[in-house]
PDB file of N, CA and C in Angstrom:
ATOM      1  N   MET A   1     -15.043   9.617  -4.433  1.00  0.00           N
ATOM      2  CA  MET A   1     -13.716   8.860  -4.113  1.00  0.00           C
ATOM      3  C   MET A   1     -12.680   9.714  -4.538  1.00  0.00           C
ATOM      4  N   GLY A   2     -11.632   9.816  -3.735  1.00  0.00           N
ATOM      5  CA  GLY A   2     -10.423  10.688  -3.895  1.00  0.00           C
ATOM      6  C   GLY A   2      -9.466   9.926  -4.744  1.00  0.00           C
ATOM      7  N   LYS A   3      -8.391  10.545  -5.098  1.00  0.00           N
ATOM      8  CA  LYS A   3      -7.278  10.174  -5.837  1.00  0.00           C
ATOM      9  C   LYS A   3      -6.169  10.017  -5.186  1.00  0.00           C
ATOM     10  N   LYS A   4      -5.067   9.159  -5.338  1.00  0.00           N
ATOM     11  CA  LYS A   4      -3.845   9.235  -4.575  1.00  0.00           C
ATOM     12  C   LYS A   4      -3.186  10.621  -4.822  1.00  0.00           C
ATOM     13  N   LYS A   5      -2.538  10.980  -3.943  1.00  0.00           N
ATOM     14  CA  LYS A   5      -1.718  12.164  -4.054  1.00  0.00           C
ATOM     15  C   LYS A   5      -0.355  11.960  -4.242  1.00  0.00           C
ATOM     16  N   GLY A   6       0.298  12.243  -5.409  1.00  0.00           N
ATOM     17  CA  GLY A   6       1.844  12.025  -5.678  1.00  0.00           C
ATOM     18  C   GLY A   6       1.996  10.490  -5.904  1.00  0.00           C
ATOM     19  N   PRO A   7       3.392  10.322  -6.448  1.00  0.00           N
ATOM     20  CA  PRO A   7       3.744   9.040  -6.705  1.00  0.00           C
ATOM     21  C   PRO A   7       3.982   8.004  -5.585  1.00  0.00           C
ATOM     22  N   PRO A   8       3.930   6.840  -5.747  1.00  0.00           N
ATOM     23  CA  PRO A   8       4.384   5.966  -4.716  1.00  0.00           C
ATOM     24  C   PRO A   8       5.799   6.228  -4.083  1.00  0.00           C
ATOM     25  N   GLN A   9       6.036   5.951  -2.755  1.00  0.00           N
ATOM     26  CA  GLN A   9       7.110   6.480  -2.069  1.00  0.00           C
ATOM     27  C   GLN A   9       7.852   5.174  -1.517  1.00  0.00           C
ATOM     28  N   THR A  10       9.220   5.345  -1.395  1.00  0.00           N
ATOM     29  CA  THR A  10      10.009   4.584  -0.574  1.00  0.00           C
ATOM     30  C   THR A  10       9.966   4.933   0.843  1.00  0.00           C
ATOM     31  N   LYS A  11      10.520   4.197   1.788  1.00  0.00           N
ATOM     32  CA  LYS A  11      10.653   4.758   3.154  1.00  0.00           C
ATOM     33  C   LYS A  11      11.087   6.068   3.333  1.00  0.00           C
ATOM     34  N   ASN A  12      12.179   6.248   2.551  1.00  0.00           N
ATOM     35  CA  ASN A  12      12.933   7.745   2.672  1.00  0.00           C
ATOM     36  C   ASN A  12      12.282   8.723   1.745  1.00  0.00           C
ATOM     37  N   GLY A  13      11.210   8.425   1.088  1.00  0.00           N
ATOM     38  CA  GLY A  13      10.429   9.383   0.345  1.00  0.00           C
ATOM     39  C   GLY A  13      10.794   9.468  -0.981  1.00  0.00           C
ATOM     40  N   ASP A  14      11.632   8.769  -1.525  1.00  0.00           N
ATOM     41  CA  ASP A  14      12.038   8.544  -3.005  1.00  0.00           C
ATOM     42  C   ASP A  14      10.862   8.220  -3.882  1.00  0.00           C
ATOM     43  N   ASP A  15      10.684   8.546  -4.929  1.00  0.00           N
ATOM     44  CA  ASP A  15       9.723   8.105  -6.012  1.00  0.00           C
ATOM     45  C   ASP A  15      10.012   6.582  -6.345  1.00  0.00           C
ATOM     46  N   ALA A  16       8.947   5.803  -5.981  1.00  0.00           N
ATOM     47  CA  ALA A  16       8.999   4.388  -6.208  1.00  0.00           C
ATOM     48  C   ALA A  16       8.622   3.849  -7.538  1.00  0.00           C
ATOM     49  N   SER A  17       8.200   4.837  -8.359  1.00  0.00           N
ATOM     50  CA  SER A  17       7.663   4.343  -9.776  1.00  0.00           C
ATOM     51  C   SER A  17       8.668   4.777 -10.812  1.00  0.00           C
ATOM     52  N   ASP A  18       9.958   5.166 -10.616  1.00  0.00           N
ATOM     53  CA  ASP A  18      11.034   5.410 -11.362  1.00  0.00           C
ATOM     54  C   ASP A  18      11.478   4.285 -12.345  1.00  0.00           C
ATOM     55  N   LYS A  19      11.447   3.169 -11.731  1.00  0.00           N
ATOM     56  CA  LYS A  19      11.729   2.006 -12.649  1.00  0.00           C
ATOM     57  C   LYS A  19      10.614   1.461 -13.606  1.00  0.00           C
ATOM     58  N   LYS A  20      10.844   1.080 -14.743  1.00  0.00           N
ATOM     59  CA  LYS A  20       9.955   0.711 -15.589  1.00  0.00           C
ATOM     60  C   LYS A  20       9.094  -0.654 -15.050  1.00  0.00           C
ATOM     61  N   LEU A  21       7.940  -0.679 -14.914  1.00  0.00           N
ATOM     62  CA  LEU A  21       7.248  -1.873 -14.462  1.00  0.00           C
ATOM     63  C   LEU A  21       6.877  -2.894 -15.716  1.00  0.00           C
ATOM     64  N   LYS A  22       6.965  -4.312 -15.412  1.00  0.00           N
ATOM     65  CA  LYS A  22       6.651  -5.160 -16.431  1.00  0.00           C
ATOM     66  C   LYS A  22       5.005  -5.238 -16.211  1.00  0.00           C
ATOM     67  N   PRO A  23       4.347  -5.350 -17.455  1.00  0.00           N
ATOM     68  CA  PRO A  23       2.856  -5.545 -17.248  1.00  0.00           C
ATOM     69  C   PRO A  23       2.352  -6.616 -16.412  1.00  0.00           C
ATOM     70  N   ALA A  24       1.269  -6.472 -15.512  1.00  0.00           N
ATOM     71  CA  ALA A  24       0.941  -7.645 -14.654  1.00  0.00           C
ATOM     72  C   ALA A  24      -0.538  -7.574 -14.813  1.00  0.00           C
ATOM     73  N   ASN A  25      -1.154  -8.811 -14.516  1.00  0.00           N
ATOM     74  CA  ASN A  25      -2.558  -9.000 -14.332  1.00  0.00           C
ATOM     75  C   ASN A  25      -2.846  -9.314 -12.998  1.00  0.00           C
ATOM     76  N   ALA A  26      -2.078  -9.680 -12.115  1.00  0.00           N
ATOM     77  CA  ALA A  26      -2.260 -10.094 -10.792  1.00  0.00           C
ATOM     78  C   ALA A  26      -0.941  -9.640  -9.898  1.00  0.00           C
ATOM     79  N   ILE A  27      -1.267  -9.134  -8.802  1.00  0.00           N
ATOM     80  CA  ILE A  27      -0.318  -8.856  -7.624  1.00  0.00           C
ATOM     81  C   ILE A  27      -0.653  -9.447  -6.332  1.00  0.00           C
ATOM     82  N   PHE A  28       0.689  -9.561  -5.606  1.00  0.00           N
ATOM     83  CA  PHE A  28       0.278 -10.073  -4.107  1.00  0.00           C
ATOM     84  C   PHE A  28       0.380  -8.670  -3.391  1.00  0.00           C
ATOM     85  N   VAL A  29      -0.519  -8.438  -2.684  1.00  0.00           N
ATOM     86  CA  VAL A  29      -0.435  -7.036  -2.063  1.00  0.00           C
ATOM     87  C   VAL A  29      -0.958  -7.055  -0.568  1.00  0.00           C
ATOM     88  N   ARG A  30      -0.344  -6.050   0.225  1.00  0.00           N
ATOM     89  CA  ARG A  30      -0.623  -5.652   1.558  1.00  0.00           C
ATOM     90  C   ARG A  30      -1.124  -4.534   1.753  1.00  0.00           C
ATOM     91  N   HIS A  31      -1.966  -4.070   2.637  1.00  0.00           N
ATOM     92  CA  HIS A  31      -2.385  -2.720   2.846  1.00  0.00           C
ATOM     93  C   HIS A  31      -2.557  -2.416   4.307  1.00  0.00           C
ATOM     94  N   ILE A  32      -2.531  -1.112   4.589  1.00  0.00           N
ATOM     95  CA  ILE A  32      -3.026  -0.626   5.964  1.00  0.00           C
ATOM     96  C   ILE A  32      -4.239  -0.155   5.587  1.00  0.00           C
ATOM     97  N   LEU A  33      -5.541  -0.160   6.248  1.00  0.00           N
ATOM     98  CA  LEU A  33      -6.738   0.367   5.987  1.00  0.00           C
ATOM     99  C   LEU A  33      -7.169   1.081   7.383  1.00  0.00           C
ATOM    100  N   CYS A  34      -7.316   2.361   7.188  1.00  0.00           N
ATOM    101  CA  CYS A  34      -7.875   3.175   8.429  1.00  0.00           C
ATOM    102  C   CYS A  34      -8.955   3.851   7.857  1.00  0.00           C
ATOM    103  N   GLU A  35     -10.191   4.083   8.788  1.00  0.00           N
ATOM    104  CA  GLU A  35     -11.240   4.937   8.494  1.00  0.00           C
ATOM    105  C   GLU A  35     -10.996   6.374   8.619  1.00  0.00           C
ATOM    106  N   LYS A  36     -10.167   6.659   9.329  1.00  0.00           N
ATOM    107  CA  LYS A  36      -9.690   8.109   9.790  1.00  0.00           C
ATOM    108  C   LYS A  36      -8.413   8.485   9.060  1.00  0.00           C
ATOM    109  N   HIS A  37      -8.390   9.537   8.548  1.00  0.00           N
ATOM    110  CA  HIS A  37      -7.291  10.055   7.893  1.00  0.00           C
ATOM    111  C   HIS A  37      -6.178  10.398   8.899  1.00  0.00           C
ATOM    112  N   SER A  38      -6.338  10.849  10.009  1.00  0.00           N
ATOM    113  CA  SER A  38      -5.419  11.045  11.067  1.00  0.00           C
ATOM    114  C   SER A  38      -4.593   9.750  11.422  1.00  0.00           C
ATOM    115  N   LYS A  39      -5.437   8.643  11.557  1.00  0.00           N
ATOM    116  CA  LYS A  39      -4.903   7.296  11.957  1.00  0.00           C
ATOM    117  C   LYS A  39      -3.844   6.951  10.631  1.00  0.00           C
ATOM    118  N   ILE A  40      -4.246   6.971   9.517  1.00  0.00           N
ATOM    119  CA  ILE A  40      -3.512   6.637   8.517  1.00  0.00           C
ATOM    120  C   ILE A  40      -2.262   7.497   8.347  1.00  0.00           C
ATOM    121  N   LEU A  41      -2.195   8.570   8.939  1.00  0.00           N
ATOM    122  CA  LEU A  41      -1.022   9.493   8.634  1.00  0.00           C
ATOM    123  C   LEU A  41      -0.063   8.979   9.891  1.00  0.00           C
ATOM    124  N   GLU A  42      -0.596   8.693  10.934  1.00  0.00           N
ATOM    125  CA  GLU A  42       0.149   8.094  12.000  1.00  0.00           C
ATOM    126  C   GLU A  42       0.878   6.885  11.535  1.00  0.00           C
ATOM    127  N   ALA A  43       0.210   5.868  10.861  1.00  0.00           N
ATOM    128  CA  ALA A  43       0.853   4.792  10.181  1.00  0.00           C
ATOM    129  C   ALA A  43       1.752   5.081   9.286  1.00  0.00           C
ATOM    130  N   GLU A  44       1.631   6.121   8.342  1.00  0.00           N
ATOM    131  CA  GLU A  44       2.606   6.507   7.448  1.00  0.00           C
ATOM    132  C   GLU A  44       3.774   6.968   8.093  1.00  0.00           C
ATOM    133  N   ALA A  45       3.711   7.581   9.219  1.00  0.00           N
ATOM    134  CA  ALA A  45       4.829   8.112  10.054  1.00  0.00           C
ATOM    135  C   ALA A  45       5.670   7.032  10.418  1.00  0.00           C
ATOM    136  N   MET A  46       5.081   6.027  11.027  1.00  0.00           N
ATOM    137  CA  MET A  46       5.726   4.727  11.587  1.00  0.00           C
ATOM    138  C   MET A  46       6.603   4.102  10.314  1.00  0.00           C
ATOM    139  N   LEU A  47       5.820   4.081   9.210  1.00  0.00           N
ATOM    140  CA  LEU A  47       6.535   3.435   8.071  1.00  0.00           C
ATOM    141  C   LEU A  47       8.037   4.426   7.712  1.00  0.00           C
ATOM    142  N   LYS A  48       7.836   5.701   7.735  1.00  0.00           N
ATOM    143  CA  LYS A  48       8.816   6.512   7.541  1.00  0.00           C
ATOM    144  C   LYS A  48       9.951   6.485   8.681  1.00  0.00           C
ATOM    145  N   ASN A  49       9.627   5.875   9.846  1.00  0.00           N
ATOM    146  CA  ASN A  49      10.614   5.706  10.739  1.00  0.00           C
ATOM    147  C   ASN A  49      11.095   4.185  10.822  1.00  0.00           C
ATOM    148  N   ASN A  50      10.985   3.760   9.519  1.00  0.00           N
ATOM    149  CA  ASN A  50      11.735   2.265   9.228  1.00  0.00           C
ATOM    150  C   ASN A  50      11.110   1.190  10.204  1.00  0.00           C
ATOM    151  N   ILE A  51       9.702   1.252  10.436  1.00  0.00           N
ATOM    152  CA  ILE A  51       9.068   0.200  11.119  1.00  0.00           C
ATOM    153  C   ILE A  51       8.720  -0.752   9.998  1.00  0.00           C
ATOM    154  N   ALA A  52       8.575  -2.202  10.113  1.00  0.00           N
ATOM    155  CA  ALA A  52       8.262  -2.920   8.948  1.00  0.00           C
ATOM    156  C   ALA A  52       6.836  -2.802   8.555  1.00  0.00           C
ATOM    157  N   PHE A  53       6.478  -3.003   7.380  1.00  0.00           N
ATOM    158  CA  PHE A  53       5.118  -2.838   6.863  1.00  0.00           C
ATOM    159  C   PHE A  53       4.056  -3.760   7.681  1.00  0.00           C
ATOM    160  N   ASP A  54       4.511  -4.995   7.732  1.00  0.00           N
ATOM    161  CA  ASP A  54       3.700  -5.950   8.399  1.00  0.00           C
ATOM    162  C   ASP A  54       3.377  -5.442   9.821  1.00  0.00           C
ATOM    163  N   ALA A  55       4.275  -5.196  10.642  1.00  0.00           N
ATOM    164  CA  ALA A  55       4.196  -4.529  11.960  1.00  0.00           C
ATOM    165  C   ALA A  55       3.337  -3.403  12.003  1.00  0.00           C
ATOM    166  N   VAL A  56       3.486  -2.466  11.126  1.00  0.00           N
ATOM    167  CA  VAL A  56       2.419  -1.267  11.249  1.00  0.00           C
ATOM    168  C   VAL A  56       1.133  -1.563  10.951  1.00  0.00           C
ATOM    169  N   ALA A  57       0.945  -2.605   9.931  1.00  0.00           N
ATOM    170  CA  ALA A  57      -0.409  -3.036   9.545  1.00  0.00           C
ATOM    171  C   ALA A  57      -0.968  -3.728  10.935  1.00  0.00           C
ATOM    172  N   ARG A  58      -0.264  -4.515  11.576  1.00  0.00           N
ATOM    173  CA  ARG A  58      -0.886  -5.195  12.656  1.00  0.00           C
ATOM    174  C   ARG A  58      -1.339  -4.308  13.751  1.00  0.00           C
ATOM    175  N   GLU A  59      -0.643  -3.104  13.797  1.00  0.00           N
ATOM    176  CA  GLU A  59      -1.005  -2.077  14.865  1.00  0.00           C
ATOM    177  C   GLU A  59      -2.062  -1.225  14.425  1.00  0.00           C
ATOM    178  N   TYR A  60      -1.966  -0.680  13.237  1.00  0.00           N
ATOM    179  CA  TYR A  60      -2.954   0.217  12.736  1.00  0.00           C
ATOM    180  C   TYR A  60      -4.036  -0.240  11.967  1.00  0.00           C
ATOM    181  N   SER A  61      -4.109  -1.150  11.046  1.00  0.00           N
ATOM    182  CA  SER A  61      -4.976  -1.654  10.092  1.00  0.00           C
ATOM    183  C   SER A  61      -6.429  -1.945  10.754  1.00  0.00           C
ATOM    184  N   GLU A  62      -7.272  -1.661  10.245  1.00  0.00           N
ATOM    185  CA  GLU A  62      -8.654  -1.884  10.724  1.00  0.00           C
ATOM    186  C   GLU A  62      -9.210  -3.154   9.935  1.00  0.00           C
ATOM    187  N   ASP A  63      -8.382  -3.742   9.313  1.00  0.00           N
ATOM    188  CA  ASP A  63      -8.736  -4.806   8.184  1.00  0.00           C
ATOM    189  C   ASP A  63      -7.485  -5.715   8.060  1.00  0.00           C
ATOM    190  N   LYS A  64      -7.723  -7.046   8.278  1.00  0.00           N
ATOM    191  CA  LYS A  64      -6.564  -7.960   7.962  1.00  0.00           C
ATOM    192  C   LYS A  64      -5.245  -7.693   8.980  1.00  0.00           C
ATOM    193  N   ALA A  65      -5.718  -6.965  10.011  1.00  0.00           N
ATOM    194  CA  ALA A  65      -4.519  -6.504  10.700  1.00  0.00           C
ATOM    195  C   ALA A  65      -3.692  -7.761  11.466  1.00  0.00           C
ATOM    196  N   LYS A  66      -4.473  -8.901  11.599  1.00  0.00           N
ATOM    197  CA  LYS A  66      -3.714 -10.063  12.194  1.00  0.00           C
ATOM    198  C   LYS A  66      -2.752 -10.782  11.368  1.00  0.00           C
ATOM    199  N   VAL A  67      -2.812 -10.505   9.961  1.00  0.00           N
ATOM    200  CA  VAL A  67      -2.123 -11.157   8.911  1.00  0.00           C
ATOM    201  C   VAL A  67      -0.925 -10.148   8.335  1.00  0.00           C
ATOM    202  N   GLY A  68      -0.981  -9.110   8.997  1.00  0.00           N
ATOM    203  CA  GLY A  68       0.253  -7.887   8.549  1.00  0.00           C
ATOM    204  C   GLY A  68      -0.383  -7.344   7.411  1.00  0.00           C
ATOM    205  N   GLY A  69      -1.642  -7.208   7.190  1.00  0.00           N
ATOM    206  CA  GLY A  69      -2.309  -6.301   6.180  1.00  0.00           C
ATOM    207  C   GLY A  69      -2.360  -7.319   4.720  1.00  0.00           C
ATOM    208  N   ASN A  70      -1.973  -8.668   4.879  1.00  0.00           N
ATOM    209  CA  ASN A  70      -1.795  -9.340   3.628  1.00  0.00           C
ATOM    210  C   ASN A  70      -3.086  -9.639   2.991  1.00  0.00           C
ATOM    211  N   LEU A  71      -3.374  -9.215   1.894  1.00  0.00           N
ATOM    212  CA  LEU A  71      -4.611  -9.487   1.138  1.00  0.00           C
ATOM    213  C   LEU A  71      -4.293 -10.643  -0.011  1.00  0.00           C
ATOM    214  N   GLY A  72      -3.138 -11.188  -0.140  1.00  0.00           N
ATOM    215  CA  GLY A  72      -2.858 -12.227  -0.900  1.00  0.00           C
ATOM    216  C   GLY A  72      -2.812 -11.905  -2.513  1.00  0.00           C
ATOM    217  N   LYS A  73      -3.202 -12.885  -3.376  1.00  0.00           N
ATOM    218  CA  LYS A  73      -3.082 -12.503  -4.701  1.00  0.00           C
ATOM    219  C   LYS A  73      -4.544 -11.860  -5.153  1.00  0.00           C
ATOM    220  N   MET A  74      -4.197 -10.585  -5.900  1.00  0.00           N
ATOM    221  CA  MET A  74      -5.469  -9.973  -6.226  1.00  0.00           C
ATOM    222  C   MET A  74      -5.232  -9.815  -7.851  1.00  0.00           C
ATOM    223  N   VAL A  75      -6.281  -9.786  -8.535  1.00  0.00           N
ATOM    224  CA  VAL A  75      -6.356  -9.939  -9.994  1.00  0.00           C
ATOM    225  C   VAL A  75      -6.895  -8.524 -10.379  1.00  0.00           C
ATOM    226  N   ARG A  76      -6.293  -8.067 -11.535  1.00  0.00           N
ATOM    227  CA  ARG A  76      -6.673  -6.909 -12.114  1.00  0.00           C
ATOM    228  C   ARG A  76      -8.204  -6.872 -12.434  1.00  0.00           C
ATOM    229  N   GLY A  77      -9.015  -5.873 -12.078  1.00  0.00           N
ATOM    230  CA  GLY A  77     -10.363  -5.670 -12.049  1.00  0.00           C
ATOM    231  C   GLY A  77     -11.148  -6.137 -10.956  1.00  0.00           C
ATOM    232  N   THR A  78     -10.562  -6.728  -9.891  1.00  0.00           N
ATOM    233  CA  THR A  78     -11.298  -7.169  -8.692  1.00  0.00           C
ATOM    234  C   THR A  78     -11.174  -6.021  -7.394  1.00  0.00           C
ATOM    235  N   MET A  79     -10.591  -5.044  -7.728  1.00  0.00           N
ATOM    236  CA  MET A  79     -10.276  -3.947  -6.800  1.00  0.00           C
ATOM    237  C   MET A  79     -10.905  -2.740  -7.139  1.00  0.00           C
ATOM    238  N   VAL A  80     -11.114  -1.929  -6.114  1.00  0.00           N
ATOM    239  CA  VAL A  80     -11.834  -0.428  -6.362  1.00  0.00           C
ATOM    240  C   VAL A  80     -10.827   0.356  -7.038  1.00  0.00           C
ATOM    241  N   GLY A  81     -11.474   1.089  -7.937  1.00  0.00           N
ATOM    242  CA  GLY A  81     -10.638   1.891  -8.768  1.00  0.00           C
ATOM    243  C   GLY A  81      -9.266   2.517  -8.208  1.00  0.00           C
ATOM    244  N   PRO A  82      -9.399   3.282  -7.321  1.00  0.00           N
ATOM    245  CA  PRO A  82      -8.136   4.221  -6.900  1.00  0.00           C
ATOM    246  C   PRO A  82      -7.056   3.116  -6.120  1.00  0.00           C
ATOM    247  N   PHE A  83      -7.741   2.148  -5.551  1.00  0.00           N
ATOM    248  CA  PHE A  83      -6.823   1.089  -4.914  1.00  0.00           C
ATOM    249  C   PHE A  83      -6.001   0.384  -6.003  1.00  0.00           C
ATOM    250  N   GLN A  84      -6.683  -0.204  -6.998  1.00  0.00           N
ATOM    251  CA  GLN A  84      -6.098  -0.866  -7.929  1.00  0.00           C
ATOM    252  C   GLN A  84      -5.167  -0.106  -8.927  1.00  0.00           C
ATOM    253  N   GLU A  85      -5.442   1.268  -9.159  1.00  0.00           N
ATOM    254  CA  GLU A  85      -4.560   2.178  -9.911  1.00  0.00           C
ATOM    255  C   GLU A  85      -3.351   2.433  -9.100  1.00  0.00           C
ATOM    256  N   ALA A  86      -3.412   2.514  -7.715  1.00  0.00           N
ATOM    257  CA  ALA A  86      -2.117   2.694  -7.025  1.00  0.00           C
ATOM    258  C   ALA A  86      -1.444   1.452  -6.820  1.00  0.00           C
ATOM    259  N   ALA A  87      -1.964   0.275  -6.545  1.00  0.00           N
ATOM    260  CA  ALA A  87      -1.393  -0.955  -6.412  1.00  0.00           C
ATOM    261  C   ALA A  87      -0.552  -1.352  -7.688  1.00  0.00           C
ATOM    262  N   PHE A  88      -1.288  -1.180  -8.923  1.00  0.00           N
ATOM    263  CA  PHE A  88      -0.499  -1.780 -10.189  1.00  0.00           C
ATOM    264  C   PHE A  88       0.734  -0.760 -10.503  1.00  0.00           C
ATOM    265  N   ALA A  89       0.729   0.417 -10.048  1.00  0.00           N
ATOM    266  CA  ALA A  89       1.823   1.349 -10.234  1.00  0.00           C
ATOM    267  C   ALA A  89       3.063   1.012  -9.261  1.00  0.00           C
ATOM    268  N   LEU A  90       2.855   0.295  -8.416  1.00  0.00           N
ATOM    269  CA  LEU A  90       4.110  -0.150  -7.376  1.00  0.00           C
ATOM    270  C   LEU A  90       5.042  -1.141  -8.016  1.00  0.00           C
ATOM    271  N   GLN A  91       6.403  -0.898  -7.625  1.00  0.00           N
ATOM    272  CA  GLN A  91       7.304  -1.975  -7.799  1.00  0.00           C
ATOM    273  C   GLN A  91       7.263  -3.080  -6.589  1.00  0.00           C
ATOM    274  N   PRO A  92       7.519  -4.351  -6.831  1.00  0.00           N
ATOM    275  CA  PRO A  92       7.385  -5.202  -5.721  1.00  0.00           C
ATOM    276  C   PRO A  92       8.541  -4.824  -4.603  1.00  0.00           C
ATOM    277  N   SER A  93       8.288  -5.146  -3.473  1.00  0.00           N
ATOM    278  CA  SER A  93       9.200  -4.907  -2.305  1.00  0.00           C
ATOM    279  C   SER A  93       8.983  -5.784  -1.131  1.00  0.00           C
ATOM    280  N   THR A  94       9.475  -5.587  -0.128  1.00  0.00           N
ATOM    281  CA  THR A  94       9.307  -6.463   1.107  1.00  0.00           C
ATOM    282  C   THR A  94       8.851  -5.762   2.299  1.00  0.00           C
ATOM    283  N   CYS A  95       8.391  -6.359   3.291  1.00  0.00           N
ATOM    284  CA  CYS A  95       7.920  -5.748   4.494  1.00  0.00           C
ATOM    285  C   CYS A  95       8.885  -4.908   5.238  1.00  0.00           C
ATOM    286  N   ALA A  96      10.180  -5.532   5.213  1.00  0.00           N
ATOM    287  CA  ALA A  96      11.367  -4.861   5.825  1.00  0.00           C
ATOM    288  C   ALA A  96      11.837  -3.435   5.207  1.00  0.00           C
ATOM    289  N   LYS A  97      11.592  -3.326   3.814  1.00  0.00           N
ATOM    290  CA  LYS A  97      11.996  -2.319   3.061  1.00  0.00           C
ATOM    291  C   LYS A  97      10.931  -2.157   1.983  1.00  0.00           C
ATOM    292  N   PRO A  98       9.744  -1.664   2.576  1.00  0.00           N
ATOM    293  CA  PRO A  98       8.644  -1.401   1.762  1.00  0.00           C
ATOM    294  C   PRO A  98       8.807  -0.315   0.650  1.00  0.00           C
ATOM    295  N   LEU A  99       8.138  -0.320  -0.426  1.00  0.00           N
ATOM    296  CA  LEU A  99       7.734   0.654  -1.415  1.00  0.00           C
ATOM    297  C   LEU A  99       6.216   0.785  -1.341  1.00  0.00           C
ATOM    298  N   TYR A 100       5.823   2.006  -0.788  1.00  0.00           N
ATOM    299  CA  TYR A 100       4.364   2.051  -0.539  1.00  0.00           C
ATOM    300  C   TYR A 100       3.841   3.362  -1.089  1.00  0.00           C
ATOM    301  N   THR A 101       2.376   3.381  -1.304  1.00  0.00           N
ATOM    302  CA  THR A 101       1.692   4.605  -1.673  1.00  0.00           C
ATOM    303  C   THR A 101       1.557   5.390  -0.512  1.00  0.00           C
ATOM    304  N   PRO A 102       1.407   6.675  -0.953  1.00  0.00           N
ATOM    305  CA  PRO A 102       0.812   7.843   0.079  1.00  0.00           C
ATOM    306  C   PRO A 102      -0.711   7.207   0.288  1.00  0.00           C
ATOM    307  N   PRO A 103      -1.202   7.755   1.304  1.00  0.00           N
ATOM    308  CA  PRO A 103      -2.494   7.466   1.459  1.00  0.00           C
ATOM    309  C   PRO A 103      -3.427   7.449   0.314  1.00  0.00           C
ATOM    310  N   VAL A 104      -4.281   6.475   0.250  1.00  0.00           N
ATOM    311  CA  VAL A 104      -5.260   6.285  -0.927  1.00  0.00           C
ATOM    312  C   VAL A 104      -6.687   6.233  -0.405  1.00  0.00           C
ATOM    313  N   LYS A 105      -7.504   7.186  -0.944  1.00  0.00           N
ATOM    314  CA  LYS A 105      -8.811   7.168  -0.500  1.00  0.00           C
ATOM    315  C   LYS A 105      -9.708   6.356  -1.302  1.00  0.00           C
ATOM    316  N   THR A 106     -10.519   5.516  -0.681  1.00  0.00           N
ATOM    317  CA  THR A 106     -11.570   4.556  -1.356  1.00  0.00           C
ATOM    318  C   THR A 106     -12.610   4.782  -0.510  1.00  0.00           C
ATOM    319  N   VAL A 107     -13.953   3.878  -1.075  1.00  0.00           N
ATOM    320  CA  VAL A 107     -14.983   3.867  -0.245  1.00  0.00           C
ATOM    321  C   VAL A 107     -14.830   3.267   1.153  1.00  0.00           C
ATOM    322  N   HIS A 108     -13.705   2.258   1.261  1.00  0.00           N
ATOM    323  CA  HIS A 108     -13.564   1.596   2.438  1.00  0.00           C
ATOM    324  C   HIS A 108     -12.789   2.512   3.376  1.00  0.00           C
ATOM    325  N   GLY A 109     -12.069   3.606   3.019  1.00  0.00           N
ATOM    326  CA  GLY A 109     -11.359   4.354   4.026  1.00  0.00           C
ATOM    327  C   GLY A 109     -10.134   4.692   3.314  1.00  0.00           C
ATOM    328  N   TYR A 110      -8.911   5.045   4.017  1.00  0.00           N
ATOM    329  CA  TYR A 110      -7.649   5.232   3.608  1.00  0.00           C
ATOM    330  C   TYR A 110      -6.829   4.078   3.716  1.00  0.00           C
ATOM    331  N   HIS A 111      -6.153   3.957   2.475  1.00  0.00           N
ATOM    332  CA  HIS A 111      -5.179   2.747   2.553  1.00  0.00           C
ATOM    333  C   HIS A 111      -3.739   3.170   2.152  1.00  0.00           C
ATOM    334  N   ILE A 112      -2.815   2.482   2.888  1.00  0.00           N
ATOM    335  CA  ILE A 112      -1.337   2.520   2.340  1.00  0.00           C
ATOM    336  C   ILE A 112      -1.118   1.252   1.727  1.00  0.00           C
ATOM    337  N   ILE A 113      -0.545   1.148   0.605  1.00  0.00           N
ATOM    338  CA  ILE A 113      -0.384  -0.069  -0.168  1.00  0.00           C
ATOM    339  C   ILE A 113       0.822  -0.606  -0.466  1.00  0.00           C
ATOM    340  N   MET A 114       1.206  -1.815  -0.487  1.00  0.00           N
ATOM    341  CA  MET A 114       2.611  -2.273  -0.789  1.00  0.00           C
ATOM    342  C   MET A 114       2.273  -3.453  -1.716  1.00  0.00           C
ATOM    343  N   VAL A 115       3.260  -3.895  -2.557  1.00  0.00           N
ATOM    344  CA  VAL A 115       3.052  -5.033  -3.436  1.00  0.00           C
ATOM    345  C   VAL A 115       4.295  -5.900  -3.240  1.00  0.00           C
ATOM    346  N   GLU A 116       4.053  -7.108  -3.044  1.00  0.00           N
ATOM    347  CA  GLU A 116       5.196  -8.190  -2.706  1.00  0.00           C
ATOM    348  C   GLU A 116       5.521  -8.977  -4.025  1.00  0.00           C
ATOM    349  N   LYS A 117       4.681  -9.044  -4.990  1.00  0.00           N
ATOM    350  CA  LYS A 117       4.969  -9.762  -6.180  1.00  0.00           C
ATOM    351  C   LYS A 117       3.934  -9.323  -7.322  1.00  0.00           C
ATOM    352  N   ARG A 118       4.442  -9.315  -8.444  1.00  0.00           N
ATOM    353  CA  ARG A 118       3.638  -9.051  -9.647  1.00  0.00           C
ATOM    354  C   ARG A 118       3.588 -10.406 -10.694  1.00  0.00           C
ATOM    355  N   GLU A 119       2.441 -10.623 -11.133  1.00  0.00           N
ATOM    356  CA  GLU A 119       2.366 -11.748 -12.076  1.00  0.00           C
ATOM    357  C   GLU A 119       1.823 -11.087 -13.282  1.00  0.00           C
TER     358      GLU A 119
END
C-alpha cells in the first residue's frame, strides 16, 4: 500500500491542513475511486478546474458514482489505513468548494477524498 503524497489541498493547491482540526471519531466522507492512476489524475485535473466534487465523482469514480461519491458516515477504525489517515486529516468542505486529498493509494485503487462533516 502506498502513502498519500503531500498534504490535502484546496482546489487552488493551498494546504488544506493549516487549520487546527477538532478530534473526531466519525466523518461524513465522499471519494472518487479509480483503479488506474492515469484516470485519477484526470479526475484531479477536473477538480483543479473548479468542477464540483460530486460531478467529478459521477463521471470518474468506479464506486458510488451515482451518488456523487458519497460514502456517508464512516467511523474511525472501519476504513483501510491510508484512506482513514488521509480522510481524518481533512477539514470539512462542500462539493462546490472542496478541500480534497491528492490521490491516495489503497488495496482498492486510487482515491481522492473530501470530508463534509466531522463528529
